[in-house]
Each structure stands twice: as C-alpha cells, then as structure tokens.
Amino acid sequence: MFDAIKTYYTRLVPQLSQPEWEALEKCLSIRQFRKGDFLVKAGQVCKYVSFINSGLARLYYSIDGKDVSTGFAQQGDYTSEYESFLTRKPAAQNIEALTEVEAIDLGYDDMQRLYKTYPAYQEFGRKISEFLFIMLNQRNTALLALTPEERYTNMIETNANLLQLVPQYMLASYIGVTPEHLSRVRRKLSAGS
C-alpha cells in the first residue's frame, strides 16, 4: 500500500533507514476522494501534505467567480495548500479531485515530530520545500516571460498526458489564456509543424 511513497522518500533521501521509514509509516493515513471532492477547500486550514497514490487533482483559486488553475497533481506527486499547512491559517486555493483520487496523508503535528526526532526528515522537508519553490518560480517566470505558445509547448514537453486528462478550459486557465485563445495557439502550433 505504501510502496510508491516509500520509493519517493528513499529517492530523495537515499540514506533513509528502516526504523526511520517505520516511524513515518505509523504517521501516514489514506483518504479516498471521488471526482469533484476537495482534498483542500479555500477557507479551511490545510491539515495534510498529500502524496497522490492514484488519480489526478487540480489546484486553483476562485477569483471574481472564475477558477484560475495553478497546477495539477498526478500519481506520484506530493500536493498541499502548503502556505496554509505551514501557517495553520485558512487556505487561499482549492485542491479538487479531477478523477477518483487516493491520497496518502501526513499531518502537521506528525511532520513536526518527525523533524525533531529524525534528521533525515529535516533533509526531506528541505528538499520538498526547494522543489515547491522551484515549481512556483518556474510558473511565475513562465507567466511573466513566455508567450502563450511557449507556455503551451512547455506544458506539452513536461506534462503531455494532461492534454488527454484535463478539460481545455482548465488547461487554458493554467497557461493564462482564454479557451478560445488556447484553440488559436493549438491551431497555430499544429500549422507550423
């Protein structure tokens, strides 16, 4: 049941010992979500960092009645409304299941206890934070410095499977354009190839 998450942890922290893994395993819980359920809802405090064991989820803000997609979490990814998780304040964005999702959760208090007891988890936490920072920075840079065509091409290169799994209006929102503009971008790129 925890094979995929164990592989994830030992890839990031290869020196993880069996007792350290067993301490983590005792802290993990599993939640099941149906399509349309929320792993985290804006306005609620995010209680967990969640490893997506199966399924697909979308991170998004609701702004003036419109949803703005900020990311997608697939099988093998960690996700969280991390600012809320760390500050214990209400989440600003939602994480919604786009398919049935099985999440393996680690709660805030358990994470803090692991940090204090096992230095390997401090390293893991640092690496996850660095990963999240890099992802956020790359997203901001893409929105500010790249054209919609370049953002779409980048999405194809890094997450081509999303094209079949995610509705076009969500993809358009993610790359910062309207669905109509995304259709034009697609036509332009397919005409150029």
Protein backbone atom coordinates (compact mmCIF):
# COMPACT_ATOMS: atom_id res chain seq x y z
CA MET A 1 0.00 0.00 0.00
CA PHE A 2 2.86 2.43 0.78
CA ASP A 3 5.34 1.16 -1.84
CA ALA A 4 5.14 4.22 -4.11
CA ILE A 5 5.56 6.73 -1.31
CA LYS A 6 8.43 4.74 0.19
CA THR A 7 10.17 4.79 -3.21
CA TYR A 8 9.59 8.56 -3.37
CA TYR A 9 11.12 9.13 0.08
CA THR A 10 14.13 6.88 -0.49
CA ARG A 11 14.81 8.50 -3.86
CA LEU A 12 15.02 11.93 -2.17
CA VAL A 13 16.81 10.70 0.95
CA PRO A 14 18.70 7.50 -0.01
CA GLN A 15 20.12 7.02 3.48
CA LEU A 16 16.63 6.63 4.99
CA SER A 17 16.86 3.74 7.44
CA GLN A 18 14.22 1.10 8.11
CA PRO A 19 13.44 2.49 11.61
CA GLU A 20 13.03 5.99 10.11
CA TRP A 21 10.69 4.64 7.45
CA GLU A 22 8.67 2.72 10.05
CA ALA A 23 8.31 5.91 12.15
CA LEU A 24 6.89 7.70 9.11
CA GLU A 25 4.66 4.80 8.12
CA LYS A 26 2.96 4.96 11.54
CA CYS A 27 2.05 8.61 10.82
CA LEU A 28 0.52 8.06 7.39
CA SER A 29 -3.19 7.80 6.69
CA ILE A 30 -5.13 7.18 3.49
CA ARG A 31 -8.07 9.18 2.17
CA GLN A 32 -10.22 8.33 -0.84
CA PHE A 33 -11.87 11.06 -2.95
CA ARG A 34 -14.50 10.87 -5.65
CA LYS A 35 -14.30 13.09 -8.72
CA GLY A 36 -15.31 16.61 -7.63
CA ASP A 37 -14.37 16.14 -3.96
CA PHE A 38 -11.95 18.58 -2.37
CA LEU A 39 -8.67 17.49 -0.82
CA VAL A 40 -8.46 21.08 0.46
CA LYS A 41 -11.10 23.78 0.18
CA ALA A 42 -10.34 27.51 0.22
CA GLY A 43 -11.18 28.98 3.61
CA GLN A 44 -10.29 25.82 5.53
CA VAL A 45 -6.94 25.10 7.15
CA CYS A 46 -4.95 22.55 5.17
CA LYS A 47 -4.26 19.67 7.58
CA TYR A 48 -2.05 17.47 5.41
CA VAL A 49 0.65 17.18 2.82
CA SER A 50 -0.70 14.53 0.48
CA PHE A 51 1.06 12.05 -1.77
CA ILE A 52 -1.16 11.21 -4.74
CA ASN A 53 -1.11 7.41 -4.77
CA SER A 54 -3.55 7.33 -7.68
CA GLY A 55 -5.64 9.81 -9.63
CA LEU A 56 -5.42 13.45 -10.66
CA ALA A 57 -6.18 16.67 -8.77
CA ARG A 58 -6.20 20.34 -9.70
CA LEU A 59 -5.02 23.31 -7.64
CA TYR A 60 -6.90 26.54 -8.31
CA TYR A 61 -8.04 29.89 -6.97
CA SER A 62 -11.57 31.24 -7.37
CA ILE A 63 -11.26 34.91 -8.34
CA ASP A 64 -14.33 37.01 -9.10
CA GLY A 65 -16.34 33.87 -9.85
CA LYS A 66 -13.70 32.44 -12.21
CA ASP A 67 -11.43 29.49 -11.49
CA VAL A 68 -7.73 30.06 -12.15
CA SER A 69 -5.78 26.80 -12.33
CA THR A 70 -2.32 26.95 -10.77
CA GLY A 71 -1.27 23.32 -11.08
CA PHE A 72 -2.12 19.66 -11.31
CA ALA A 73 -1.08 16.80 -9.02
CA GLN A 74 -0.85 13.34 -10.53
CA GLN A 75 0.03 9.88 -9.32
CA GLY A 76 3.46 10.05 -7.68
CA ASP A 77 3.25 13.78 -6.83
CA TYR A 78 3.06 15.49 -3.46
CA THR A 79 0.48 18.25 -3.09
CA SER A 80 -0.73 20.59 -0.40
CA GLU A 81 -2.00 24.11 0.10
CA TYR A 82 1.42 24.49 1.64
CA GLU A 83 1.17 28.02 2.97
CA SER A 84 -1.97 27.11 4.90
CA PHE A 85 -0.37 23.85 6.05
CA LEU A 86 2.69 25.66 7.44
CA THR A 87 0.97 28.75 8.89
CA ARG A 88 -2.15 26.92 10.15
CA LYS A 89 -4.25 29.70 8.51
CA PRO A 90 -7.14 29.21 6.04
CA ALA A 91 -6.21 28.08 2.55
CA ALA A 92 -6.45 30.57 -0.30
CA GLN A 93 -6.81 27.94 -3.01
CA ASN A 94 -8.66 24.70 -3.60
CA ILE A 95 -7.35 21.25 -4.42
CA GLU A 96 -10.06 19.29 -6.22
CA ALA A 97 -10.10 15.69 -7.40
CA LEU A 98 -10.50 15.56 -11.20
CA THR A 99 -10.74 11.76 -11.05
CA GLU A 100 -11.05 9.32 -8.20
CA VAL A 101 -8.03 10.04 -6.00
CA GLU A 102 -6.27 8.04 -3.33
CA ALA A 103 -4.10 10.27 -1.16
CA ILE A 104 -1.58 9.23 1.46
CA ASP A 105 -1.55 11.97 4.08
CA LEU A 106 0.93 13.22 6.64
CA GLY A 107 -0.42 15.62 9.25
CA TYR A 108 1.27 18.77 10.50
CA ASP A 109 1.94 17.59 14.09
CA ASP A 110 3.33 14.27 12.88
CA MET A 111 5.62 16.06 10.43
CA GLN A 112 6.95 18.35 13.16
CA ARG A 113 7.55 15.33 15.43
CA LEU A 114 9.45 13.53 12.64
CA TYR A 115 11.58 16.65 12.04
CA LYS A 116 12.54 16.78 15.72
CA THR A 117 13.25 13.08 16.06
CA TYR A 118 14.87 12.12 12.75
CA PRO A 119 17.36 14.39 10.90
CA ALA A 120 16.62 12.52 7.65
CA TYR A 121 13.13 14.08 7.62
CA GLN A 122 14.59 17.56 8.01
CA GLU A 123 16.53 16.87 4.80
CA PHE A 124 13.42 15.51 3.13
CA GLY A 125 11.39 18.57 4.21
CA ARG A 126 14.08 20.89 2.87
CA LYS A 127 14.16 19.08 -0.48
CA ILE A 128 10.36 19.19 -0.81
CA SER A 129 10.35 22.92 0.06
CA GLU A 130 13.08 23.54 -2.52
CA PHE A 131 11.09 21.58 -5.11
CA LEU A 132 7.92 23.59 -4.38
CA PHE A 133 9.87 26.86 -4.55
CA ILE A 134 11.39 25.93 -7.91
CA MET A 135 7.98 24.94 -9.31
CA LEU A 136 6.42 28.21 -8.12
CA ASN A 137 9.30 30.25 -9.50
CA GLN A 138 9.16 28.46 -12.87
CA ARG A 139 5.41 29.07 -13.06
CA ASN A 140 5.81 32.77 -12.25
CA THR A 141 8.63 33.13 -14.77
CA ALA A 142 6.58 31.38 -17.45
CA LEU A 143 3.57 33.65 -16.88
CA LEU A 144 5.71 36.79 -16.93
CA ALA A 145 8.35 36.00 -19.56
CA LEU A 146 6.95 33.42 -22.00
CA THR A 147 4.36 33.76 -24.74
CA PRO A 148 1.20 31.64 -24.55
CA GLU A 149 2.66 29.47 -27.33
CA GLU A 150 5.83 28.90 -25.31
CA ARG A 151 3.83 28.09 -22.16
CA TYR A 152 1.70 25.61 -24.08
CA THR A 153 4.75 23.99 -25.69
CA ASN A 154 6.41 23.76 -22.28
CA MET A 155 3.31 22.07 -20.86
CA ILE A 156 3.36 19.53 -23.72
CA GLU A 157 7.04 18.81 -23.09
CA THR A 158 6.65 18.36 -19.34
CA ASN A 159 3.08 17.03 -18.91
CA ALA A 160 1.73 15.86 -22.27
CA ASN A 161 -0.65 13.42 -20.57
CA LEU A 162 -2.63 16.38 -19.16
CA LEU A 163 -3.90 17.11 -22.68
CA GLN A 164 -5.98 13.92 -22.56
CA LEU A 165 -6.94 14.13 -18.88
CA VAL A 166 -7.83 17.78 -18.27
CA PRO A 167 -10.61 19.83 -19.92
CA GLN A 168 -9.38 22.55 -22.27
CA TYR A 169 -10.78 25.41 -20.16
CA MET A 170 -8.66 24.25 -17.19
CA LEU A 171 -5.54 23.97 -19.35
CA ALA A 172 -6.24 27.44 -20.78
CA SER A 173 -6.55 28.87 -17.29
CA TYR A 174 -3.31 27.15 -16.28
CA ILE A 175 -1.32 28.73 -19.10
CA GLY A 176 -3.03 32.09 -18.55
CA VAL A 177 -5.27 32.41 -21.61
CA THR A 178 -8.94 32.00 -22.52
CA PRO A 179 -10.14 28.68 -24.01
CA GLU A 180 -10.60 30.48 -27.35
CA HIS A 181 -7.02 31.74 -27.26
CA LEU A 182 -5.79 28.24 -26.43
CA SER A 183 -7.63 26.92 -29.51
CA ARG A 184 -5.83 29.54 -31.63
CA VAL A 185 -2.48 28.59 -30.05
CA ARG A 186 -3.11 24.91 -30.82
CA ARG A 187 -4.06 25.65 -34.43
CA LYS A 188 -1.03 27.89 -34.89
CA LEU A 189 1.36 25.29 -33.48
CA SER A 190 -0.14 22.41 -35.49
CA ALA A 191 0.01 24.50 -38.70
CA GLY A 192 3.68 25.24 -38.03
CA SER A 193 4.69 21.60 -37.60
